[in-house]
Amino acid sequence: MTTALAEPLMTIEEFSRHPDRDHTELLDGVLVERPMGAKSGLIIANWLALIGQYLRGRRLGACCSSDTGYILWPNNQRRLRFPDASFVAAARLPDGKVPEGYFHLAPDFAVEVVSPNDGGCEIQEKVEEYLAAGTRVVAVIYPRAEVVLLFHADGLVLKFTSSMALEIPELFPGFQCPVAELFTID
């Protein structure tokens, strides 16, 4: 479950200068904690290593960590999301580069790992918000069940279990990753 950390309402500009912004998001002007456990961190590290290896040399776009913020709605200067991992296709990178600050667009791909503190409604709200803002695919990873759900912009939802290979051909042609590798220690 996320926890509101501060009042009064702040803007994205104020958030970027706030000393306690690590592991937080700005939702409607309120700092909201995004706690991640060790297992969530391992899963994201594994995902970034696997997709990073695939992306190397392909110039398909930028894969980013949980420190990357997205202003999904440019007219809302009080809302800033930080997916656990994300990807922006090369054609959508502003001036072909990753910005110094926050992205002013939705990622093409967002990853959210369900942590022990996350509520189902919160995760579903994030998925719906990313998709409404233009994200093409959102992956929700369930560590306990070792399952990945892929939510597509057209409403398609695909389930991948630990005995399957994860594929996202519309964004990563030819990429296959055994789902079990997301949960292993190497």
N, C-alpha and C. Protein backbone atom coordinates (compact mmCIF):
# COMPACT_ATOMS: atom_id res chain seq x y z
N MET A 1 0.84 -1.17 0.00
CA MET A 1 0.00 0.00 0.00
C MET A 1 0.89 1.24 0.00
N THR A 2 0.57 2.21 -0.81
CA THR A 2 1.33 3.45 -0.82
C THR A 2 0.85 4.34 0.30
N THR A 3 1.74 5.23 0.72
CA THR A 3 1.43 6.10 1.84
C THR A 3 1.73 7.54 1.47
N ALA A 4 0.80 8.43 1.67
CA ALA A 4 1.02 9.86 1.42
C ALA A 4 2.01 10.36 2.45
N LEU A 5 3.02 11.10 1.98
CA LEU A 5 4.08 11.56 2.86
C LEU A 5 3.99 13.03 3.23
N ALA A 6 3.38 13.84 2.39
CA ALA A 6 3.47 15.27 2.66
C ALA A 6 2.24 16.01 2.15
N GLU A 7 1.91 17.07 2.79
CA GLU A 7 0.96 18.08 2.37
C GLU A 7 1.70 19.40 2.59
N PRO A 8 1.47 20.45 1.98
CA PRO A 8 0.44 20.77 1.00
C PRO A 8 0.83 20.25 -0.39
N LEU A 9 -0.04 20.53 -1.36
CA LEU A 9 0.17 20.07 -2.72
C LEU A 9 1.42 20.70 -3.31
N MET A 10 2.14 19.92 -4.11
CA MET A 10 3.32 20.46 -4.76
C MET A 10 3.26 20.20 -6.26
N THR A 11 4.05 20.96 -7.00
CA THR A 11 4.14 20.79 -8.44
C THR A 11 5.31 19.86 -8.76
N ILE A 12 5.41 19.46 -10.02
CA ILE A 12 6.53 18.62 -10.44
C ILE A 12 7.85 19.36 -10.23
N GLU A 13 7.87 20.66 -10.51
CA GLU A 13 9.09 21.45 -10.29
C GLU A 13 9.50 21.43 -8.82
N GLU A 14 8.54 21.59 -7.93
CA GLU A 14 8.84 21.53 -6.48
C GLU A 14 9.28 20.14 -6.08
N PHE A 15 8.65 19.12 -6.65
CA PHE A 15 9.02 17.73 -6.37
C PHE A 15 10.48 17.47 -6.74
N SER A 16 10.90 17.98 -7.90
CA SER A 16 12.27 17.72 -8.37
C SER A 16 13.33 18.31 -7.45
N ARG A 17 12.95 19.28 -6.62
CA ARG A 17 13.88 19.88 -5.65
C ARG A 17 13.70 19.33 -4.24
N HIS A 18 12.70 18.48 -4.04
CA HIS A 18 12.37 17.99 -2.70
C HIS A 18 13.44 17.00 -2.22
N PRO A 19 13.91 17.13 -0.98
CA PRO A 19 14.98 16.25 -0.49
C PRO A 19 14.55 14.80 -0.26
N ASP A 20 13.27 14.53 -0.09
CA ASP A 20 12.79 13.17 0.20
C ASP A 20 12.07 12.55 -0.98
N ARG A 21 12.56 12.76 -2.20
CA ARG A 21 11.82 12.26 -3.36
C ARG A 21 12.22 10.85 -3.79
N ASP A 22 13.25 10.26 -3.19
CA ASP A 22 13.62 8.89 -3.54
C ASP A 22 12.49 7.94 -3.18
N HIS A 23 12.20 7.02 -4.08
CA HIS A 23 11.16 6.00 -3.88
C HIS A 23 9.79 6.60 -3.61
N THR A 24 9.51 7.72 -4.29
CA THR A 24 8.20 8.35 -4.18
C THR A 24 7.70 8.71 -5.58
N GLU A 25 6.41 8.93 -5.67
CA GLU A 25 5.78 9.48 -6.86
C GLU A 25 5.02 10.72 -6.44
N LEU A 26 4.68 11.53 -7.41
CA LEU A 26 3.85 12.70 -7.15
C LEU A 26 2.49 12.43 -7.77
N LEU A 27 1.48 12.27 -6.92
CA LEU A 27 0.14 11.95 -7.40
C LEU A 27 -0.81 13.04 -6.94
N ASP A 28 -1.27 13.81 -7.90
CA ASP A 28 -2.19 14.91 -7.63
C ASP A 28 -1.63 15.86 -6.59
N GLY A 29 -0.31 16.13 -6.70
CA GLY A 29 0.34 17.09 -5.83
C GLY A 29 0.81 16.56 -4.49
N VAL A 30 0.62 15.26 -4.24
CA VAL A 30 0.99 14.67 -2.95
C VAL A 30 2.12 13.67 -3.16
N LEU A 31 3.16 13.75 -2.32
CA LEU A 31 4.22 12.76 -2.34
C LEU A 31 3.66 11.43 -1.83
N VAL A 32 3.85 10.37 -2.62
CA VAL A 32 3.36 9.06 -2.24
C VAL A 32 4.54 8.08 -2.29
N GLU A 33 4.76 7.40 -1.19
CA GLU A 33 5.86 6.46 -1.08
C GLU A 33 5.62 5.26 -1.98
N ARG A 34 6.70 4.77 -2.64
CA ARG A 34 6.66 3.58 -3.49
C ARG A 34 7.65 2.56 -2.94
N PRO A 35 7.36 1.92 -1.85
CA PRO A 35 8.33 1.00 -1.27
C PRO A 35 8.50 -0.25 -2.14
N MET A 36 9.75 -0.67 -2.30
CA MET A 36 10.06 -1.91 -3.01
C MET A 36 10.87 -2.78 -2.07
N GLY A 37 10.55 -4.04 -2.02
CA GLY A 37 11.32 -4.97 -1.23
C GLY A 37 12.52 -5.50 -2.01
N ALA A 38 13.31 -6.31 -1.34
CA ALA A 38 14.51 -6.87 -1.95
C ALA A 38 14.17 -7.75 -3.16
N LYS A 39 13.11 -8.54 -3.03
CA LYS A 39 12.74 -9.43 -4.14
C LYS A 39 12.33 -8.62 -5.37
N SER A 40 11.59 -7.54 -5.15
CA SER A 40 11.21 -6.68 -6.27
C SER A 40 12.45 -6.10 -6.94
N GLY A 41 13.42 -5.70 -6.14
CA GLY A 41 14.67 -5.16 -6.68
C GLY A 41 15.41 -6.19 -7.52
N LEU A 42 15.43 -7.44 -7.05
CA LEU A 42 16.08 -8.52 -7.79
C LEU A 42 15.39 -8.73 -9.13
N ILE A 43 14.07 -8.76 -9.12
CA ILE A 43 13.31 -8.99 -10.36
C ILE A 43 13.59 -7.89 -11.37
N ILE A 44 13.59 -6.64 -10.92
CA ILE A 44 13.87 -5.53 -11.84
C ILE A 44 15.30 -5.59 -12.36
N ALA A 45 16.25 -5.90 -11.48
CA ALA A 45 17.65 -6.04 -11.93
C ALA A 45 17.76 -7.13 -12.99
N ASN A 46 17.08 -8.26 -12.77
CA ASN A 46 17.11 -9.35 -13.75
C ASN A 46 16.47 -8.90 -15.07
N TRP A 47 15.32 -8.22 -14.99
CA TRP A 47 14.65 -7.74 -16.20
C TRP A 47 15.57 -6.80 -16.98
N LEU A 48 16.16 -5.84 -16.29
CA LEU A 48 17.02 -4.87 -16.97
C LEU A 48 18.23 -5.55 -17.61
N ALA A 49 18.79 -6.56 -16.95
CA ALA A 49 19.93 -7.29 -17.53
C ALA A 49 19.50 -8.06 -18.78
N LEU A 50 18.37 -8.75 -18.70
CA LEU A 50 17.90 -9.55 -19.84
C LEU A 50 17.50 -8.69 -21.03
N ILE A 51 16.72 -7.65 -20.78
CA ILE A 51 16.29 -6.80 -21.89
C ILE A 51 17.45 -5.95 -22.39
N GLY A 52 18.33 -5.57 -21.49
CA GLY A 52 19.51 -4.80 -21.90
C GLY A 52 20.40 -5.57 -22.86
N GLN A 53 20.58 -6.85 -22.57
CA GLN A 53 21.37 -7.71 -23.45
C GLN A 53 20.71 -7.80 -24.83
N TYR A 54 19.41 -7.95 -24.85
CA TYR A 54 18.68 -8.01 -26.12
C TYR A 54 18.79 -6.69 -26.89
N LEU A 55 18.63 -5.57 -26.20
CA LEU A 55 18.60 -4.26 -26.86
C LEU A 55 19.96 -3.81 -27.38
N ARG A 56 21.03 -4.29 -26.76
CA ARG A 56 22.37 -3.82 -27.11
C ARG A 56 22.61 -3.95 -28.62
N GLY A 57 22.92 -2.83 -29.24
CA GLY A 57 23.24 -2.79 -30.66
C GLY A 57 22.04 -2.72 -31.58
N ARG A 58 20.84 -2.84 -31.06
CA ARG A 58 19.66 -2.82 -31.92
C ARG A 58 19.10 -1.41 -32.14
N ARG A 59 19.43 -0.49 -31.30
CA ARG A 59 18.98 0.91 -31.40
C ARG A 59 17.45 1.02 -31.49
N LEU A 60 16.77 0.22 -30.69
CA LEU A 60 15.30 0.25 -30.69
C LEU A 60 14.75 1.33 -29.79
N GLY A 61 15.54 1.76 -28.82
CA GLY A 61 15.07 2.77 -27.88
C GLY A 61 15.84 2.70 -26.58
N ALA A 62 15.27 3.33 -25.56
CA ALA A 62 15.92 3.44 -24.25
C ALA A 62 15.15 2.66 -23.20
N CYS A 63 15.86 1.80 -22.49
CA CYS A 63 15.30 1.06 -21.37
C CYS A 63 15.77 1.76 -20.10
N CYS A 64 14.85 2.04 -19.20
CA CYS A 64 15.17 2.85 -18.02
C CYS A 64 14.78 2.16 -16.73
N SER A 65 15.42 2.58 -15.65
CA SER A 65 15.17 2.02 -14.32
C SER A 65 14.07 2.79 -13.60
N SER A 66 13.84 2.42 -12.36
CA SER A 66 12.78 3.03 -11.55
C SER A 66 13.06 4.47 -11.16
N ASP A 67 14.22 4.98 -11.48
CA ASP A 67 14.54 6.39 -11.20
C ASP A 67 14.05 7.32 -12.29
N THR A 68 13.42 6.77 -13.32
CA THR A 68 12.99 7.56 -14.47
C THR A 68 11.54 7.98 -14.32
N GLY A 69 11.32 9.28 -14.31
CA GLY A 69 9.98 9.83 -14.13
C GLY A 69 9.30 10.16 -15.44
N TYR A 70 7.97 10.01 -15.43
CA TYR A 70 7.15 10.29 -16.62
C TYR A 70 6.02 11.23 -16.25
N ILE A 71 5.97 12.35 -16.96
CA ILE A 71 4.83 13.25 -16.87
C ILE A 71 3.86 12.75 -17.94
N LEU A 72 2.91 11.93 -17.52
CA LEU A 72 2.02 11.28 -18.47
C LEU A 72 1.02 12.25 -19.08
N TRP A 73 0.67 13.25 -18.33
CA TRP A 73 -0.32 14.24 -18.78
C TRP A 73 0.34 15.60 -18.72
N PRO A 74 0.84 16.12 -19.85
CA PRO A 74 1.60 17.38 -19.85
C PRO A 74 0.87 18.55 -19.20
N ASN A 75 -0.45 18.55 -19.22
CA ASN A 75 -1.19 19.66 -18.60
C ASN A 75 -1.36 19.50 -17.10
N ASN A 76 -0.94 18.36 -16.55
CA ASN A 76 -1.06 18.14 -15.12
C ASN A 76 0.33 18.18 -14.49
N GLN A 77 0.65 19.31 -13.91
CA GLN A 77 1.97 19.51 -13.31
C GLN A 77 2.02 19.05 -11.86
N ARG A 78 1.06 18.22 -11.45
CA ARG A 78 1.04 17.68 -10.09
C ARG A 78 1.00 16.14 -10.09
N ARG A 79 1.37 15.54 -11.22
CA ARG A 79 1.31 14.08 -11.32
C ARG A 79 2.54 13.56 -12.08
N LEU A 80 3.30 12.70 -11.43
CA LEU A 80 4.55 12.18 -11.98
C LEU A 80 4.67 10.71 -11.58
N ARG A 81 4.79 9.83 -12.55
CA ARG A 81 4.88 8.39 -12.30
C ARG A 81 6.31 7.89 -12.53
N PHE A 82 6.68 6.88 -11.76
CA PHE A 82 7.98 6.23 -11.86
C PHE A 82 7.76 4.72 -11.95
N PRO A 83 7.61 4.15 -13.16
CA PRO A 83 7.46 2.70 -13.24
C PRO A 83 8.73 2.01 -12.74
N ASP A 84 8.61 0.75 -12.35
CA ASP A 84 9.77 0.02 -11.85
C ASP A 84 10.82 -0.16 -12.93
N ALA A 85 10.40 -0.26 -14.17
CA ALA A 85 11.28 -0.26 -15.35
C ALA A 85 10.42 0.23 -16.51
N SER A 86 11.08 0.72 -17.55
CA SER A 86 10.32 1.26 -18.68
C SER A 86 11.17 1.25 -19.94
N PHE A 87 10.49 1.50 -21.06
CA PHE A 87 11.14 1.55 -22.36
C PHE A 87 10.43 2.59 -23.21
N VAL A 88 11.22 3.40 -23.91
CA VAL A 88 10.68 4.36 -24.87
C VAL A 88 11.33 4.05 -26.22
N ALA A 89 10.51 3.83 -27.24
CA ALA A 89 11.01 3.53 -28.58
C ALA A 89 11.83 4.68 -29.13
N ALA A 90 12.85 4.35 -29.91
CA ALA A 90 13.77 5.35 -30.45
C ALA A 90 13.05 6.47 -31.20
N ALA A 91 12.04 6.12 -31.97
CA ALA A 91 11.32 7.12 -32.76
C ALA A 91 10.59 8.14 -31.89
N ARG A 92 10.34 7.81 -30.63
CA ARG A 92 9.61 8.71 -29.73
C ARG A 92 10.52 9.47 -28.77
N LEU A 93 11.81 9.19 -28.80
CA LEU A 93 12.74 9.91 -27.92
C LEU A 93 12.83 11.36 -28.38
N PRO A 94 12.64 12.31 -27.47
CA PRO A 94 12.72 13.73 -27.85
C PRO A 94 14.10 14.05 -28.45
N ASP A 95 14.11 14.52 -29.67
CA ASP A 95 15.35 14.83 -30.39
C ASP A 95 16.28 13.62 -30.46
N GLY A 96 15.72 12.41 -30.38
CA GLY A 96 16.52 11.19 -30.46
C GLY A 96 17.35 10.91 -29.23
N LYS A 97 17.06 11.62 -28.12
CA LYS A 97 17.87 11.47 -26.90
C LYS A 97 16.97 11.28 -25.69
N VAL A 98 17.57 10.74 -24.63
CA VAL A 98 16.89 10.65 -23.34
C VAL A 98 17.03 12.02 -22.67
N PRO A 99 15.95 12.60 -22.17
CA PRO A 99 16.03 13.93 -21.57
C PRO A 99 16.81 13.93 -20.25
N GLU A 100 17.33 15.08 -19.89
CA GLU A 100 18.03 15.25 -18.61
C GLU A 100 17.08 15.07 -17.44
N GLY A 101 15.88 15.61 -17.56
CA GLY A 101 14.89 15.55 -16.48
C GLY A 101 13.92 14.41 -16.70
N TYR A 102 12.66 14.72 -16.65
CA TYR A 102 11.61 13.72 -16.80
C TYR A 102 11.16 13.63 -18.25
N PHE A 103 10.64 12.46 -18.61
CA PHE A 103 9.99 12.33 -19.91
C PHE A 103 8.65 13.04 -19.86
N HIS A 104 8.29 13.72 -20.93
CA HIS A 104 6.99 14.38 -21.05
C HIS A 104 6.13 13.57 -22.02
N LEU A 105 6.06 12.28 -21.78
CA LEU A 105 5.29 11.35 -22.59
C LEU A 105 5.12 10.06 -21.80
N ALA A 106 4.28 9.18 -22.30
CA ALA A 106 4.11 7.87 -21.67
C ALA A 106 5.15 6.92 -22.24
N PRO A 107 5.69 6.02 -21.43
CA PRO A 107 6.60 5.03 -22.00
C PRO A 107 5.85 4.10 -22.94
N ASP A 108 6.55 3.49 -23.87
CA ASP A 108 5.92 2.49 -24.73
C ASP A 108 5.67 1.21 -23.93
N PHE A 109 6.52 0.96 -22.96
CA PHE A 109 6.44 -0.24 -22.14
C PHE A 109 6.75 0.14 -20.70
N ALA A 110 5.89 -0.27 -19.78
CA ALA A 110 6.10 -0.01 -18.36
C ALA A 110 6.03 -1.33 -17.60
N VAL A 111 6.88 -1.46 -16.59
CA VAL A 111 6.91 -2.65 -15.75
C VAL A 111 6.59 -2.24 -14.32
N GLU A 112 5.68 -2.95 -13.71
CA GLU A 112 5.36 -2.77 -12.28
C GLU A 112 5.47 -4.13 -11.60
N VAL A 113 6.28 -4.19 -10.54
CA VAL A 113 6.40 -5.40 -9.74
C VAL A 113 5.50 -5.23 -8.52
N VAL A 114 4.66 -6.21 -8.29
CA VAL A 114 3.74 -6.14 -7.16
C VAL A 114 4.53 -6.45 -5.89
N SER A 115 4.69 -5.42 -5.05
CA SER A 115 5.41 -5.55 -3.78
C SER A 115 4.43 -5.92 -2.68
N PRO A 116 4.93 -6.42 -1.55
CA PRO A 116 4.03 -6.80 -0.45
C PRO A 116 3.12 -5.66 0.01
N ASN A 117 3.55 -4.41 -0.16
CA ASN A 117 2.77 -3.26 0.28
C ASN A 117 1.77 -2.76 -0.75
N ASP A 118 1.81 -3.30 -1.97
CA ASP A 118 0.92 -2.83 -3.04
C ASP A 118 -0.47 -3.44 -2.90
N GLY A 119 -1.46 -2.62 -3.13
CA GLY A 119 -2.84 -3.09 -3.17
C GLY A 119 -3.25 -3.34 -4.60
N GLY A 120 -4.17 -4.26 -4.80
CA GLY A 120 -4.64 -4.58 -6.15
C GLY A 120 -5.22 -3.39 -6.88
N CYS A 121 -5.95 -2.55 -6.16
CA CYS A 121 -6.55 -1.37 -6.79
C CYS A 121 -5.47 -0.40 -7.26
N GLU A 122 -4.42 -0.25 -6.47
CA GLU A 122 -3.33 0.65 -6.86
C GLU A 122 -2.64 0.18 -8.13
N ILE A 123 -2.37 -1.10 -8.21
CA ILE A 123 -1.72 -1.65 -9.40
C ILE A 123 -2.63 -1.48 -10.62
N GLN A 124 -3.91 -1.79 -10.48
CA GLN A 124 -4.84 -1.64 -11.59
C GLN A 124 -4.95 -0.18 -12.02
N GLU A 125 -4.94 0.73 -11.06
CA GLU A 125 -4.98 2.16 -11.38
C GLU A 125 -3.77 2.57 -12.20
N LYS A 126 -2.59 2.07 -11.83
CA LYS A 126 -1.37 2.38 -12.59
C LYS A 126 -1.48 1.84 -14.01
N VAL A 127 -1.90 0.59 -14.15
CA VAL A 127 -2.04 -0.01 -15.47
C VAL A 127 -2.97 0.83 -16.33
N GLU A 128 -4.13 1.16 -15.79
CA GLU A 128 -5.10 1.94 -16.55
C GLU A 128 -4.58 3.33 -16.91
N GLU A 129 -3.85 3.94 -15.98
CA GLU A 129 -3.31 5.27 -16.25
C GLU A 129 -2.25 5.22 -17.36
N TYR A 130 -1.34 4.26 -17.29
CA TYR A 130 -0.33 4.12 -18.35
C TYR A 130 -1.00 3.91 -19.71
N LEU A 131 -1.94 2.98 -19.77
CA LEU A 131 -2.59 2.68 -21.04
C LEU A 131 -3.36 3.88 -21.57
N ALA A 132 -4.07 4.58 -20.71
CA ALA A 132 -4.83 5.77 -21.13
C ALA A 132 -3.91 6.87 -21.65
N ALA A 133 -2.69 6.93 -21.12
CA ALA A 133 -1.74 7.96 -21.52
C ALA A 133 -0.99 7.61 -22.81
N GLY A 134 -1.13 6.35 -23.28
CA GLY A 134 -0.49 5.97 -24.54
C GLY A 134 0.54 4.86 -24.44
N THR A 135 0.74 4.29 -23.28
CA THR A 135 1.66 3.16 -23.15
C THR A 135 1.09 1.99 -23.94
N ARG A 136 1.93 1.32 -24.71
CA ARG A 136 1.46 0.23 -25.57
C ARG A 136 1.29 -1.08 -24.80
N VAL A 137 2.21 -1.36 -23.86
CA VAL A 137 2.15 -2.61 -23.09
C VAL A 137 2.61 -2.31 -21.66
N VAL A 138 1.86 -2.84 -20.69
CA VAL A 138 2.25 -2.74 -19.28
C VAL A 138 2.41 -4.16 -18.75
N ALA A 139 3.57 -4.44 -18.17
CA ALA A 139 3.83 -5.73 -17.55
C ALA A 139 3.64 -5.58 -16.04
N VAL A 140 2.84 -6.47 -15.47
CA VAL A 140 2.69 -6.53 -14.02
C VAL A 140 3.26 -7.88 -13.60
N ILE A 141 4.27 -7.82 -12.73
CA ILE A 141 4.97 -9.02 -12.30
C ILE A 141 4.55 -9.35 -10.87
N TYR A 142 4.12 -10.59 -10.68
CA TYR A 142 3.68 -11.08 -9.38
C TYR A 142 4.75 -12.03 -8.84
N PRO A 143 5.60 -11.57 -7.91
CA PRO A 143 6.70 -12.40 -7.42
C PRO A 143 6.27 -13.70 -6.74
N ARG A 144 5.26 -13.65 -5.88
CA ARG A 144 4.84 -14.88 -5.16
C ARG A 144 4.38 -15.97 -6.12
N ALA A 145 3.58 -15.60 -7.10
CA ALA A 145 3.04 -16.58 -8.05
C ALA A 145 4.01 -16.85 -9.20
N GLU A 146 5.05 -16.02 -9.33
CA GLU A 146 5.99 -16.09 -10.45
C GLU A 146 5.23 -16.05 -11.78
N VAL A 147 4.42 -15.00 -11.90
CA VAL A 147 3.57 -14.79 -13.07
C VAL A 147 3.78 -13.37 -13.58
N VAL A 148 3.71 -13.22 -14.90
CA VAL A 148 3.76 -11.90 -15.54
C VAL A 148 2.47 -11.74 -16.35
N LEU A 149 1.75 -10.66 -16.11
CA LEU A 149 0.60 -10.31 -16.93
C LEU A 149 0.99 -9.14 -17.83
N LEU A 150 0.68 -9.26 -19.11
CA LEU A 150 0.92 -8.18 -20.05
C LEU A 150 -0.42 -7.58 -20.45
N PHE A 151 -0.59 -6.30 -20.15
CA PHE A 151 -1.79 -5.56 -20.51
C PHE A 151 -1.47 -4.73 -21.75
N HIS A 152 -2.21 -4.96 -22.82
CA HIS A 152 -1.99 -4.25 -24.08
C HIS A 152 -3.01 -3.14 -24.24
N ALA A 153 -2.63 -2.12 -25.00
CA ALA A 153 -3.50 -0.96 -25.21
C ALA A 153 -4.83 -1.33 -25.85
N ASP A 154 -4.86 -2.40 -26.63
CA ASP A 154 -6.11 -2.81 -27.28
C ASP A 154 -7.01 -3.65 -26.38
N GLY A 155 -6.62 -3.84 -25.11
CA GLY A 155 -7.43 -4.59 -24.16
C GLY A 155 -6.99 -6.03 -23.97
N LEU A 156 -6.11 -6.52 -24.81
CA LEU A 156 -5.61 -7.89 -24.69
C LEU A 156 -4.78 -8.02 -23.41
N VAL A 157 -5.01 -9.10 -22.67
CA VAL A 157 -4.21 -9.40 -21.48
C VAL A 157 -3.66 -10.81 -21.67
N LEU A 158 -2.33 -10.93 -21.56
CA LEU A 158 -1.67 -12.22 -21.70
C LEU A 158 -1.02 -12.60 -20.38
N LYS A 159 -1.11 -13.89 -20.04
CA LYS A 159 -0.52 -14.39 -18.80
C LYS A 159 0.65 -15.31 -19.14
N PHE A 160 1.79 -15.07 -18.48
CA PHE A 160 2.98 -15.89 -18.65
C PHE A 160 3.37 -16.45 -17.29
N THR A 161 3.47 -17.78 -17.20
CA THR A 161 3.87 -18.42 -15.95
C THR A 161 5.36 -18.74 -16.00
N SER A 162 5.91 -19.21 -14.88
CA SER A 162 7.35 -19.46 -14.78
C SER A 162 7.82 -20.58 -15.71
N SER A 163 6.91 -21.37 -16.26
CA SER A 163 7.32 -22.43 -17.19
C SER A 163 7.29 -21.96 -18.65
N MET A 164 6.98 -20.68 -18.87
CA MET A 164 6.84 -20.14 -20.22
C MET A 164 7.94 -19.14 -20.53
N ALA A 165 8.04 -18.78 -21.81
CA ALA A 165 8.95 -17.73 -22.25
C ALA A 165 8.15 -16.46 -22.52
N LEU A 166 8.62 -15.38 -21.96
CA LEU A 166 7.97 -14.08 -22.16
C LEU A 166 8.37 -13.53 -23.52
N GLU A 167 7.38 -13.09 -24.27
CA GLU A 167 7.60 -12.49 -25.59
C GLU A 167 6.75 -11.24 -25.70
N ILE A 168 7.32 -10.20 -26.30
CA ILE A 168 6.60 -8.94 -26.53
C ILE A 168 6.97 -8.48 -27.95
N PRO A 169 6.51 -9.20 -28.97
CA PRO A 169 7.00 -8.98 -30.33
C PRO A 169 6.72 -7.60 -30.90
N GLU A 170 5.63 -6.94 -30.46
CA GLU A 170 5.33 -5.62 -31.01
C GLU A 170 6.34 -4.56 -30.58
N LEU A 171 7.08 -4.81 -29.51
CA LEU A 171 8.10 -3.87 -29.06
C LEU A 171 9.51 -4.43 -29.19
N PHE A 172 9.65 -5.74 -28.96
CA PHE A 172 10.96 -6.38 -28.92
C PHE A 172 10.96 -7.61 -29.83
N PRO A 173 11.00 -7.41 -31.15
CA PRO A 173 10.93 -8.55 -32.09
C PRO A 173 12.05 -9.55 -31.84
N GLY A 174 11.67 -10.83 -31.72
CA GLY A 174 12.65 -11.88 -31.52
C GLY A 174 13.10 -12.09 -30.09
N PHE A 175 12.70 -11.21 -29.19
CA PHE A 175 13.09 -11.35 -27.77
C PHE A 175 12.27 -12.46 -27.13
N GLN A 176 12.97 -13.34 -26.42
CA GLN A 176 12.32 -14.37 -25.60
C GLN A 176 13.09 -14.46 -24.30
N CYS A 177 12.35 -14.53 -23.21
CA CYS A 177 12.97 -14.60 -21.89
C CYS A 177 12.21 -15.62 -21.07
N PRO A 178 12.88 -16.68 -20.61
CA PRO A 178 12.18 -17.59 -19.70
C PRO A 178 11.71 -16.82 -18.46
N VAL A 179 10.44 -16.85 -18.18
CA VAL A 179 9.89 -16.10 -17.05
C VAL A 179 10.61 -16.47 -15.75
N ALA A 180 10.98 -17.73 -15.60
CA ALA A 180 11.66 -18.17 -14.38
C ALA A 180 12.94 -17.39 -14.12
N GLU A 181 13.62 -16.92 -15.20
CA GLU A 181 14.87 -16.16 -15.03
C GLU A 181 14.66 -14.82 -14.34
N LEU A 182 13.45 -14.31 -14.37
CA LEU A 182 13.19 -13.05 -13.66
C LEU A 182 13.29 -13.23 -12.15
N PHE A 183 13.07 -14.43 -11.67
CA PHE A 183 12.98 -14.69 -10.23
C PHE A 183 14.20 -15.40 -9.66
N THR A 184 15.23 -15.65 -10.48
CA THR A 184 16.39 -16.42 -10.03
C THR A 184 17.53 -15.53 -9.58
N ILE A 185 18.37 -16.11 -8.74
CA ILE A 185 19.58 -15.43 -8.27
C ILE A 185 20.74 -16.02 -9.06
N ASP A 186 21.45 -15.18 -9.77
CA ASP A 186 22.63 -15.63 -10.53
C ASP A 186 23.83 -14.82 -10.17
